């Protein structure tokens, strides 16, 4: 039998690999701020229109960044007249390009600061938040504990880790490997925070999933292999809409990464949640809309 210390590192590596499917690897050029501006988002000169009076803030997932996570959705929204912004958060020292790894409560404070900047730049009274994976869950800490409910109209989570994940049961093995949880917390606190039953999630979900004054939408795929089981993504409370993408289009095979990166069926449902007064049915034909 292998010694405990030799087992801990492979277990942590497996957890990292599973979570890394939130977004593919990226190059240095892709993370350049100029690339973001050239595609029409993070434009400080953008002023919300009367049709879309709230700026949209995109919140990336674990191991992702403010550009690569949104190469599909950000232009989709810009082309529909929204002022769109995205931030980097959860950076670890010496780790370039791959963000969303730091303690989630600190990441929520970064989001708070960024939203304040967007509101000051646009003159808007509120924003709408759209997040993928951790990015769909982390804003709930901002809403619940940092006063974000006064600045946010809606939170739309795409495959969000709202109640944590077992990563297909893998994280349940942590109890059998002394020190593995400590190693995971030290190396990548955000992963440890997203394990089912973590102290962070226990605090986040105590007393209810939602706060008054904010509408919530959860877009989940039954093929999610990262946030498992996929129904753990759903929220309970008033002003909540939980959606399984396959209920809208049974042919949609998107898993955890694809639903946030390139699924135009999910993108159409995002626009419905951003502007429910003008929502149109989401079907398989939405891929060409």
C-alpha atoms as a PDB file:
ATOM      1  CA  UNK A   1       0.000   0.000   0.000  1.00  0.00           C
ATOM      2  CA  UNK A   2       1.255   3.478  -0.846  1.00  0.00           C
ATOM      3  CA  UNK A   3       2.120   5.843   2.033  1.00  0.00           C
ATOM      4  CA  UNK A   4      -0.466   8.504   2.882  1.00  0.00           C
ATOM      5  CA  UNK A   5       1.725  11.314   1.589  1.00  0.00           C
ATOM      6  CA  UNK A   6       1.979   9.726  -1.831  1.00  0.00           C
ATOM      7  CA  UNK A   7      -1.788   9.399  -2.019  1.00  0.00           C
ATOM      8  CA  UNK A   8      -2.613  12.987  -1.059  1.00  0.00           C
ATOM      9  CA  UNK A   9      -0.994  14.649  -4.054  1.00  0.00           C
ATOM     10  CA  UNK A  10      -2.709  12.490  -6.710  1.00  0.00           C
ATOM     11  CA  UNK A  11      -6.070  13.092  -5.034  1.00  0.00           C
ATOM     12  CA  UNK A  12      -5.557  16.848  -5.073  1.00  0.00           C
ATOM     13  CA  UNK A  13      -4.441  16.660  -8.690  1.00  0.00           C
ATOM     14  CA  UNK A  14      -7.607  14.794  -9.640  1.00  0.00           C
ATOM     15  CA  UNK A  15      -9.729  17.448  -7.978  1.00  0.00           C
ATOM     16  CA  UNK A  16      -7.868  20.185  -9.824  1.00  0.00           C
ATOM     17  CA  UNK A  17      -8.242  18.392 -13.127  1.00  0.00           C
ATOM     18  CA  UNK A  18     -11.973  17.948 -12.657  1.00  0.00           C
ATOM     19  CA  UNK A  19     -12.505  21.585 -11.769  1.00  0.00           C
ATOM     20  CA  UNK A  20     -10.273  22.728 -14.608  1.00  0.00           C
ATOM     21  CA  UNK A  21     -12.936  21.671 -17.094  1.00  0.00           C
ATOM     22  CA  UNK A  22     -14.665  24.943 -16.291  1.00  0.00           C
ATOM     23  CA  UNK A  23     -12.558  26.539 -19.023  1.00  0.00           C
ATOM     24  CA  UNK A  24      -9.794  25.456 -21.411  1.00  0.00           C
ATOM     25  CA  UNK A  25      -6.216  26.631 -21.121  1.00  0.00           C
ATOM     26  CA  UNK A  26      -5.536  30.142 -22.317  1.00  0.00           C
ATOM     27  CA  UNK A  27      -2.662  32.021 -23.845  1.00  0.00           C
ATOM     28  CA  UNK A  28      -1.150  35.262 -22.621  1.00  0.00           C
ATOM     29  CA  UNK A  29      -2.492  37.153 -25.613  1.00  0.00           C
ATOM     30  CA  UNK A  30      -6.058  36.106 -24.848  1.00  0.00           C
ATOM     31  CA  UNK A  31      -5.901  37.705 -21.431  1.00  0.00           C
ATOM     32  CA  UNK A  32      -4.863  41.092 -22.773  1.00  0.00           C
ATOM     33  CA  UNK A  33      -7.265  43.877 -21.788  1.00  0.00           C
ATOM     34  CA  UNK A  34      -7.111  45.305 -25.286  1.00  0.00           C
ATOM     35  CA  UNK A  35      -8.571  42.081 -26.629  1.00  0.00           C
ATOM     36  CA  UNK A  36     -11.562  42.571 -24.368  1.00  0.00           C
ATOM     37  CA  UNK A  37     -12.159  46.134 -25.497  1.00  0.00           C
ATOM     38  CA  UNK A  38     -11.824  45.207 -29.160  1.00  0.00           C
ATOM     39  CA  UNK A  39     -14.704  42.813 -28.809  1.00  0.00           C
ATOM     40  CA  UNK A  40     -16.930  45.526 -27.392  1.00  0.00           C
ATOM     41  CA  UNK A  41     -17.079  44.839 -23.684  1.00  0.00           C
ATOM     42  CA  UNK A  42     -15.388  46.540 -20.726  1.00  0.00           C
ATOM     43  CA  UNK A  43     -15.961  49.763 -22.639  1.00  0.00           C
ATOM     44  CA  UNK A  44     -15.838  52.649 -20.156  1.00  0.00           C
ATOM     45  CA  UNK A  45     -17.615  54.853 -22.682  1.00  0.00           C
ATOM     46  CA  UNK A  46     -20.683  52.598 -22.857  1.00  0.00           C
ATOM     47  CA  UNK A  47     -23.859  54.163 -21.490  1.00  0.00           C
ATOM     48  CA  UNK A  48     -26.867  51.917 -20.850  1.00  0.00           C
ATOM     49  CA  UNK A  49     -29.842  52.521 -23.112  1.00  0.00           C
ATOM     50  CA  UNK A  50     -33.446  52.918 -22.073  1.00  0.00           C
ATOM     51  CA  UNK A  51     -34.079  49.444 -23.496  1.00  0.00           C
ATOM     52  CA  UNK A  52     -31.284  47.940 -21.377  1.00  0.00           C
ATOM     53  CA  UNK A  53     -30.767  50.333 -18.471  1.00  0.00           C
ATOM     54  CA  UNK A  54     -28.614  48.039 -16.331  1.00  0.00           C
ATOM     55  CA  UNK A  55     -25.019  47.114 -17.170  1.00  0.00           C
ATOM     56  CA  UNK A  56     -24.258  43.398 -17.176  1.00  0.00           C
ATOM     57  CA  UNK A  57     -21.307  42.172 -15.103  1.00  0.00           C
ATOM     58  CA  UNK A  58     -19.928  38.766 -16.095  1.00  0.00           C
ATOM     59  CA  UNK A  59     -18.303  36.700 -13.335  1.00  0.00           C
ATOM     60  CA  UNK A  60     -16.008  33.918 -14.538  1.00  0.00           C
ATOM     61  CA  UNK A  61     -15.559  30.476 -13.011  1.00  0.00           C
ATOM     62  CA  UNK A  62     -12.766  28.591 -11.268  1.00  0.00           C
ATOM     63  CA  UNK A  63      -9.504  28.466 -13.269  1.00  0.00           C
ATOM     64  CA  UNK A  64     -10.979  30.972 -15.744  1.00  0.00           C
ATOM     65  CA  UNK A  65     -10.445  34.661 -16.448  1.00  0.00           C
ATOM     66  CA  UNK A  66     -12.327  37.748 -17.578  1.00  0.00           C
ATOM     67  CA  UNK A  67     -11.712  37.126 -21.287  1.00  0.00           C
ATOM     68  CA  UNK A  68     -11.702  33.413 -22.099  1.00  0.00           C
ATOM     69  CA  UNK A  69     -14.820  32.560 -20.119  1.00  0.00           C
ATOM     70  CA  UNK A  70     -16.807  35.137 -22.092  1.00  0.00           C
ATOM     71  CA  UNK A  71     -15.643  34.921 -25.711  1.00  0.00           C
ATOM     72  CA  UNK A  72     -19.098  33.609 -26.584  1.00  0.00           C
ATOM     73  CA  UNK A  73     -21.555  35.327 -24.244  1.00  0.00           C
ATOM     74  CA  UNK A  74     -20.027  38.814 -24.023  1.00  0.00           C
ATOM     75  CA  UNK A  75     -20.230  39.577 -27.778  1.00  0.00           C
ATOM     76  CA  UNK A  76     -23.677  37.946 -27.856  1.00  0.00           C
ATOM     77  CA  UNK A  77     -24.900  40.478 -25.285  1.00  0.00           C
ATOM     78  CA  UNK A  78     -23.023  43.450 -26.750  1.00  0.00           C
ATOM     79  CA  UNK A  79     -24.600  42.748 -30.141  1.00  0.00           C
ATOM     80  CA  UNK A  80     -27.983  42.966 -28.430  1.00  0.00           C
ATOM     81  CA  UNK A  81     -27.334  46.416 -27.029  1.00  0.00           C
ATOM     82  CA  UNK A  82     -26.083  45.689 -23.496  1.00  0.00           C
ATOM     83  CA  UNK A  83     -23.196  47.408 -21.754  1.00  0.00           C
ATOM     84  CA  UNK A  84     -21.104  44.448 -20.668  1.00  0.00           C
ATOM     85  CA  UNK A  85     -18.235  44.220 -18.197  1.00  0.00           C
ATOM     86  CA  UNK A  86     -16.126  41.390 -16.832  1.00  0.00           C
ATOM     87  CA  UNK A  87     -13.621  41.196 -14.001  1.00  0.00           C
ATOM     88  CA  UNK A  88     -10.757  39.020 -12.866  1.00  0.00           C
ATOM     89  CA  UNK A  89     -10.937  37.832  -9.270  1.00  0.00           C
ATOM     90  CA  UNK A  90      -9.487  35.235  -6.937  1.00  0.00           C
ATOM     91  CA  UNK A  91      -5.921  35.561  -8.195  1.00  0.00           C
ATOM     92  CA  UNK A  92      -3.137  33.636  -6.456  1.00  0.00           C
ATOM     93  CA  UNK A  93       0.441  34.977  -6.323  1.00  0.00           C
ATOM     94  CA  UNK A  94       2.587  33.593  -9.111  1.00  0.00           C
ATOM     95  CA  UNK A  95      -0.351  32.029 -10.983  1.00  0.00           C
ATOM     96  CA  UNK A  96      -1.052  33.913 -14.238  1.00  0.00           C
ATOM     97  CA  UNK A  97      -4.199  33.638 -16.370  1.00  0.00           C
ATOM     98  CA  UNK A  98      -5.946  31.102 -14.095  1.00  0.00           C
ATOM     99  CA  UNK A  99      -8.114  32.965 -11.598  1.00  0.00           C
ATOM    100  CA  UNK A 100     -10.989  32.186  -9.250  1.00  0.00           C
ATOM    101  CA  UNK A 101      -8.651  30.222  -6.970  1.00  0.00           C
ATOM    102  CA  UNK A 102      -8.471  32.412  -3.853  1.00  0.00           C
ATOM    103  CA  UNK A 103     -10.810  32.385  -0.833  1.00  0.00           C
ATOM    104  CA  UNK A 104     -14.312  33.019  -2.111  1.00  0.00           C
ATOM    105  CA  UNK A 105     -15.243  35.558   0.559  1.00  0.00           C
ATOM    106  CA  UNK A 106     -12.305  37.709  -0.581  1.00  0.00           C
ATOM    107  CA  UNK A 107     -13.324  37.243  -4.215  1.00  0.00           C
ATOM    108  CA  UNK A 108     -16.784  38.552  -3.320  1.00  0.00           C
ATOM    109  CA  UNK A 109     -15.153  41.728  -2.021  1.00  0.00           C
ATOM    110  CA  UNK A 110     -13.376  42.122  -5.348  1.00  0.00           C
ATOM    111  CA  UNK A 111     -16.743  41.818  -7.076  1.00  0.00           C
ATOM    112  CA  UNK A 112     -18.183  44.453  -4.732  1.00  0.00           C
ATOM    113  CA  UNK A 113     -15.418  46.889  -5.682  1.00  0.00           C
ATOM    114  CA  UNK A 114     -15.824  46.161  -9.388  1.00  0.00           C
ATOM    115  CA  UNK A 115     -19.596  46.688  -9.336  1.00  0.00           C
ATOM    116  CA  UNK A 116     -19.059  50.055  -7.638  1.00  0.00           C
ATOM    117  CA  UNK A 117     -16.701  51.007 -10.452  1.00  0.00           C
ATOM    118  CA  UNK A 118     -19.200  49.962 -13.123  1.00  0.00           C
ATOM    119  CA  UNK A 119     -22.012  51.913 -11.479  1.00  0.00           C
ATOM    120  CA  UNK A 120     -19.805  54.998 -11.228  1.00  0.00           C
ATOM    121  CA  UNK A 121     -18.724  54.679 -14.866  1.00  0.00           C
ATOM    122  CA  UNK A 122     -22.187  54.134 -16.323  1.00  0.00           C
ATOM    123  CA  UNK A 123     -24.306  56.192 -13.938  1.00  0.00           C
ATOM    124  CA  UNK A 124     -26.652  53.230 -13.525  1.00  0.00           C
ATOM    125  CA  UNK A 125     -28.409  52.515 -10.247  1.00  0.00           C
ATOM    126  CA  UNK A 126     -28.097  48.720 -10.447  1.00  0.00           C
ATOM    127  CA  UNK A 127     -26.345  45.994 -12.400  1.00  0.00           C
ATOM    128  CA  UNK A 128     -27.311  42.498 -13.473  1.00  0.00           C
ATOM    129  CA  UNK A 129     -24.843  39.706 -12.723  1.00  0.00           C
ATOM    130  CA  UNK A 130     -24.229  36.656 -14.917  1.00  0.00           C
ATOM    131  CA  UNK A 131     -21.818  34.052 -13.584  1.00  0.00           C
ATOM    132  CA  UNK A 132     -20.503  30.675 -14.667  1.00  0.00           C
ATOM    133  CA  UNK A 133     -19.711  27.883 -12.190  1.00  0.00           C
ATOM    134  CA  UNK A 134     -18.117  29.493  -9.086  1.00  0.00           C
ATOM    135  CA  UNK A 135     -19.021  32.821 -10.709  1.00  0.00           C
ATOM    136  CA  UNK A 136     -22.705  31.978 -10.403  1.00  0.00           C
ATOM    137  CA  UNK A 137     -22.390  31.152  -6.724  1.00  0.00           C
ATOM    138  CA  UNK A 138     -19.799  33.611  -5.380  1.00  0.00           C
ATOM    139  CA  UNK A 139     -22.002  36.699  -6.001  1.00  0.00           C
ATOM    140  CA  UNK A 140     -24.490  35.327  -3.488  1.00  0.00           C
ATOM    141  CA  UNK A 141     -21.960  36.079  -0.743  1.00  0.00           C
ATOM    142  CA  UNK A 142     -21.745  39.653  -2.014  1.00  0.00           C
ATOM    143  CA  UNK A 143     -25.535  39.914  -2.075  1.00  0.00           C
ATOM    144  CA  UNK A 144     -26.017  38.392   1.371  1.00  0.00           C
ATOM    145  CA  UNK A 145     -23.130  39.765   3.422  1.00  0.00           C
ATOM    146  CA  UNK A 146     -21.642  42.770   1.608  1.00  0.00           C
ATOM    147  CA  UNK A 147     -24.700  44.858   0.794  1.00  0.00           C
ATOM    148  CA  UNK A 148     -24.862  43.799  -2.833  1.00  0.00           C
ATOM    149  CA  UNK A 149     -28.642  43.457  -2.868  1.00  0.00           C
ATOM    150  CA  UNK A 150     -28.904  47.254  -3.019  1.00  0.00           C
ATOM    151  CA  UNK A 151     -26.808  47.312  -6.203  1.00  0.00           C
ATOM    152  CA  UNK A 152     -28.046  44.231  -8.067  1.00  0.00           C
ATOM    153  CA  UNK A 153     -31.307  43.581  -9.856  1.00  0.00           C
ATOM    154  CA  UNK A 154     -30.746  39.986 -10.979  1.00  0.00           C
ATOM    155  CA  UNK A 155     -28.267  37.133 -10.594  1.00  0.00           C
ATOM    156  CA  UNK A 156     -28.130  34.570 -13.385  1.00  0.00           C
ATOM    157  CA  UNK A 157     -26.038  31.515 -12.570  1.00  0.00           C
ATOM    158  CA  UNK A 158     -24.865  29.211 -15.362  1.00  0.00           C
ATOM    159  CA  UNK A 159     -24.002  25.818 -13.844  1.00  0.00           C
ATOM    160  CA  UNK A 160     -23.383  27.472 -10.454  1.00  0.00           C
ATOM    161  CA  UNK A 161     -21.871  25.624  -7.485  1.00  0.00           C
ATOM    162  CA  UNK A 162     -24.583  26.913  -5.158  1.00  0.00           C
ATOM    163  CA  UNK A 163     -24.533  24.014  -2.727  1.00  0.00           C
ATOM    164  CA  UNK A 164     -21.098  22.695  -3.508  1.00  0.00           C
ATOM    165  CA  UNK A 165     -20.038  19.662  -5.437  1.00  0.00           C
ATOM    166  CA  UNK A 166     -18.939  16.113  -4.819  1.00  0.00           C
ATOM    167  CA  UNK A 167     -17.182  16.070  -8.210  1.00  0.00           C
ATOM    168  CA  UNK A 168     -18.948  12.812  -8.875  1.00  0.00           C
ATOM    169  CA  UNK A 169     -18.273  11.596  -5.348  1.00  0.00           C
ATOM    170  CA  UNK A 170     -14.526  12.202  -5.501  1.00  0.00           C
ATOM    171  CA  UNK A 171     -14.484  14.799  -2.750  1.00  0.00           C
ATOM    172  CA  UNK A 172     -16.081  12.308  -0.377  1.00  0.00           C
ATOM    173  CA  UNK A 173     -12.734  10.533  -0.372  1.00  0.00           C
ATOM    174  CA  UNK A 174     -11.089  13.474   1.379  1.00  0.00           C
ATOM    175  CA  UNK A 175     -12.046  12.103   4.788  1.00  0.00           C
ATOM    176  CA  UNK A 176     -10.006   8.980   4.081  1.00  0.00           C
ATOM    177  CA  UNK A 177      -6.779  10.859   3.366  1.00  0.00           C
ATOM    178  CA  UNK A 178      -5.390  12.669   6.430  1.00  0.00           C
ATOM    179  CA  UNK A 179      -4.204  16.151   5.486  1.00  0.00           C
ATOM    180  CA  UNK A 180      -5.736  16.183   2.009  1.00  0.00           C
ATOM    181  CA  UNK A 181      -8.305  18.834   2.909  1.00  0.00           C
ATOM    182  CA  UNK A 182      -5.635  21.069   4.413  1.00  0.00           C
ATOM    183  CA  UNK A 183      -3.491  20.699   1.296  1.00  0.00           C
ATOM    184  CA  UNK A 184      -6.430  21.602  -0.932  1.00  0.00           C
ATOM    185  CA  UNK A 185      -7.268  24.680   1.183  1.00  0.00           C
ATOM    186  CA  UNK A 186      -3.679  25.896   1.143  1.00  0.00           C
ATOM    187  CA  UNK A 187      -3.083  25.388  -2.560  1.00  0.00           C
ATOM    188  CA  UNK A 188      -6.471  26.464  -3.950  1.00  0.00           C
ATOM    189  CA  UNK A 189      -8.843  27.807  -1.290  1.00  0.00           C
ATOM    190  CA  UNK A 190     -11.703  28.269  -3.757  1.00  0.00           C
ATOM    191  CA  UNK A 191     -11.820  24.548  -4.482  1.00  0.00           C
ATOM    192  CA  UNK A 192     -11.990  23.700  -0.781  1.00  0.00           C
ATOM    193  CA  UNK A 193     -14.730  26.317  -0.340  1.00  0.00           C
ATOM    194  CA  UNK A 194     -16.810  24.565  -3.018  1.00  0.00           C
ATOM    195  CA  UNK A 195     -16.720  21.087  -1.498  1.00  0.00           C
ATOM    196  CA  UNK A 196     -20.142  20.043  -0.196  1.00  0.00           C
ATOM    197  CA  UNK A 197     -20.440  20.891   3.501  1.00  0.00           C
ATOM    198  CA  UNK A 198     -17.509  23.310   3.589  1.00  0.00           C
ATOM    199  CA  UNK A 199     -17.573  26.043   6.260  1.00  0.00           C
ATOM    200  CA  UNK A 200     -17.942  28.641   3.508  1.00  0.00           C
ATOM    201  CA  UNK A 201     -21.010  26.996   1.966  1.00  0.00           C
ATOM    202  CA  UNK A 202     -22.528  26.309   5.357  1.00  0.00           C
ATOM    203  CA  UNK A 203     -22.361  30.020   6.154  1.00  0.00           C
ATOM    204  CA  UNK A 204     -23.551  31.052   2.676  1.00  0.00           C
ATOM    205  CA  UNK A 205     -26.652  28.865   2.698  1.00  0.00           C
ATOM    206  CA  UNK A 206     -27.634  29.235   6.348  1.00  0.00           C
ATOM    207  CA  UNK A 207     -30.970  30.995   6.699  1.00  0.00           C
ATOM    208  CA  UNK A 208     -31.994  30.602   3.069  1.00  0.00           C
ATOM    209  CA  UNK A 209     -30.569  30.724  -0.436  1.00  0.00           C
ATOM    210  CA  UNK A 210     -31.817  34.148  -1.495  1.00  0.00           C
ATOM    211  CA  UNK A 211     -32.145  37.734  -0.317  1.00  0.00           C
ATOM    212  CA  UNK A 212     -35.076  40.104  -0.909  1.00  0.00           C
ATOM    213  CA  UNK A 213     -35.017  42.453  -3.863  1.00  0.00           C
ATOM    214  CA  UNK A 214     -33.006  40.264  -6.239  1.00  0.00           C
ATOM    215  CA  UNK A 215     -34.326  37.868  -8.883  1.00  0.00           C
ATOM    216  CA  UNK A 216     -32.440  34.619  -9.395  1.00  0.00           C
ATOM    217  CA  UNK A 217     -32.127  32.348 -12.420  1.00  0.00           C
ATOM    218  CA  UNK A 218     -30.196  29.070 -12.473  1.00  0.00           C
ATOM    219  CA  UNK A 219     -29.350  27.426 -15.796  1.00  0.00           C
ATOM    220  CA  UNK A 220     -28.212  23.828 -15.350  1.00  0.00           C
ATOM    221  CA  UNK A 221     -27.352  20.943 -17.650  1.00  0.00           C
ATOM    222  CA  UNK A 222     -28.052  17.369 -16.707  1.00  0.00           C
ATOM    223  CA  UNK A 223     -24.710  16.453 -18.282  1.00  0.00           C
ATOM    224  CA  UNK A 224     -22.731  18.495 -15.753  1.00  0.00           C
ATOM    225  CA  UNK A 225     -19.739  16.467 -14.618  1.00  0.00           C
ATOM    226  CA  UNK A 226     -18.212  19.100 -12.326  1.00  0.00           C
ATOM    227  CA  UNK A 227     -21.011  20.458 -10.128  1.00  0.00           C
ATOM    228  CA  UNK A 228     -22.631  17.206  -9.127  1.00  0.00           C
ATOM    229  CA  UNK A 229     -25.355  16.287  -8.654  1.00  0.00           C
ATOM    230  CA  UNK A 230     -26.573  18.912 -11.106  1.00  0.00           C
ATOM    231  CA  UNK A 231     -29.776  19.637  -9.176  1.00  0.00           C
ATOM    232  CA  UNK A 232     -27.643  20.857  -6.272  1.00  0.00           C
ATOM    233  CA  UNK A 233     -27.214  23.998  -8.371  1.00  0.00           C
ATOM    234  CA  UNK A 234     -30.863  24.940  -7.880  1.00  0.00           C
ATOM    235  CA  UNK A 235     -31.917  27.628  -5.435  1.00  0.00           C
ATOM    236  CA  UNK A 236     -34.937  27.674  -3.178  1.00  0.00           C
ATOM    237  CA  UNK A 237     -36.803  30.880  -2.405  1.00  0.00           C
ATOM    238  CA  UNK A 238     -38.973  33.627  -3.848  1.00  0.00           C
ATOM    239  CA  UNK A 239     -38.065  35.168  -7.198  1.00  0.00           C
ATOM    240  CA  UNK A 240     -36.175  32.033  -8.263  1.00  0.00           C
ATOM    241  CA  UNK A 241     -36.361  30.272 -11.634  1.00  0.00           C
ATOM    242  CA  UNK A 242     -34.463  26.982 -11.967  1.00  0.00           C
ATOM    243  CA  UNK A 243     -34.001  25.756 -15.540  1.00  0.00           C
ATOM    244  CA  UNK A 244     -32.611  22.522 -16.955  1.00  0.00           C
ATOM    245  CA  UNK A 245     -31.400  23.340 -20.468  1.00  0.00           C
ATOM    246  CA  UNK A 246     -32.488  19.938 -21.779  1.00  0.00           C
ATOM    247  CA  UNK A 247     -36.072  20.797 -20.818  1.00  0.00           C
ATOM    248  CA  UNK A 248     -35.845  23.577 -23.416  1.00  0.00           C
ATOM    249  CA  UNK A 249     -33.930  21.568 -26.003  1.00  0.00           C
ATOM    250  CA  UNK A 250     -33.535  17.844 -25.434  1.00  0.00           C
ATOM    251  CA  UNK A 251     -30.807  17.702 -28.083  1.00  0.00           C
ATOM    252  CA  UNK A 252     -28.530  20.068 -26.131  1.00  0.00           C
ATOM    253  CA  UNK A 253     -25.535  17.987 -24.992  1.00  0.00           C
ATOM    254  CA  UNK A 254     -23.630  20.778 -23.257  1.00  0.00           C
ATOM    255  CA  UNK A 255     -21.720  19.799 -20.132  1.00  0.00           C
ATOM    256  CA  UNK A 256     -20.298  22.078 -17.442  1.00  0.00           C
ATOM    257  CA  UNK A 257     -17.841  24.025 -19.577  1.00  0.00           C
ATOM    258  CA  UNK A 258     -19.831  24.226 -22.812  1.00  0.00           C
ATOM    259  CA  UNK A 259     -22.998  25.613 -21.236  1.00  0.00           C
ATOM    260  CA  UNK A 260     -21.102  28.723 -20.169  1.00  0.00           C
ATOM    261  CA  UNK A 261     -18.653  29.030 -23.032  1.00  0.00           C
ATOM    262  CA  UNK A 262     -20.620  28.461 -26.219  1.00  0.00           C
ATOM    263  CA  UNK A 263     -24.191  27.272 -25.647  1.00  0.00           C
ATOM    264  CA  UNK A 264     -26.421  29.731 -27.500  1.00  0.00           C
ATOM    265  CA  UNK A 265     -29.510  28.046 -26.089  1.00  0.00           C
ATOM    266  CA  UNK A 266     -28.274  29.012 -22.640  1.00  0.00           C
ATOM    267  CA  UNK A 267     -27.297  32.458 -23.949  1.00  0.00           C
ATOM    268  CA  UNK A 268     -30.846  33.020 -25.210  1.00  0.00           C
ATOM    269  CA  UNK A 269     -32.184  32.089 -21.807  1.00  0.00           C
ATOM    270  CA  UNK A 270     -29.746  34.569 -20.235  1.00  0.00           C
ATOM    271  CA  UNK A 271     -31.243  37.376 -22.328  1.00  0.00           C
ATOM    272  CA  UNK A 272     -34.730  36.276 -21.268  1.00  0.00           C
ATOM    273  CA  UNK A 273     -33.676  36.573 -17.626  1.00  0.00           C
ATOM    274  CA  UNK A 274     -32.075  39.974 -18.239  1.00  0.00           C
ATOM    275  CA  UNK A 275     -35.208  41.322 -19.942  1.00  0.00           C
ATOM    276  CA  UNK A 276     -38.174  39.183 -18.892  1.00  0.00           C
ATOM    277  CA  UNK A 277     -40.679  41.704 -20.213  1.00  0.00           C
ATOM    278  CA  UNK A 278     -39.497  40.884 -23.747  1.00  0.00           C
ATOM    279  CA  UNK A 279     -38.677  37.195 -23.273  1.00  0.00           C
ATOM    280  CA  UNK A 280     -39.242  34.813 -26.174  1.00  0.00           C
ATOM    281  CA  UNK A 281     -39.449  31.017 -26.040  1.00  0.00           C
ATOM    282  CA  UNK A 282     -36.108  29.239 -25.869  1.00  0.00           C
ATOM    283  CA  UNK A 283     -35.966  26.192 -28.155  1.00  0.00           C
ATOM    284  CA  UNK A 284     -33.388  24.238 -30.101  1.00  0.00           C
ATOM    285  CA  UNK A 285     -33.751  26.861 -32.833  1.00  0.00           C
ATOM    286  CA  UNK A 286     -32.312  29.450 -30.455  1.00  0.00           C
ATOM    287  CA  UNK A 287     -28.848  28.352 -31.600  1.00  0.00           C
ATOM    288  CA  UNK A 288     -29.403  30.400 -34.743  1.00  0.00           C
ATOM    289  CA  UNK A 289     -31.112  33.338 -33.066  1.00  0.00           C
END
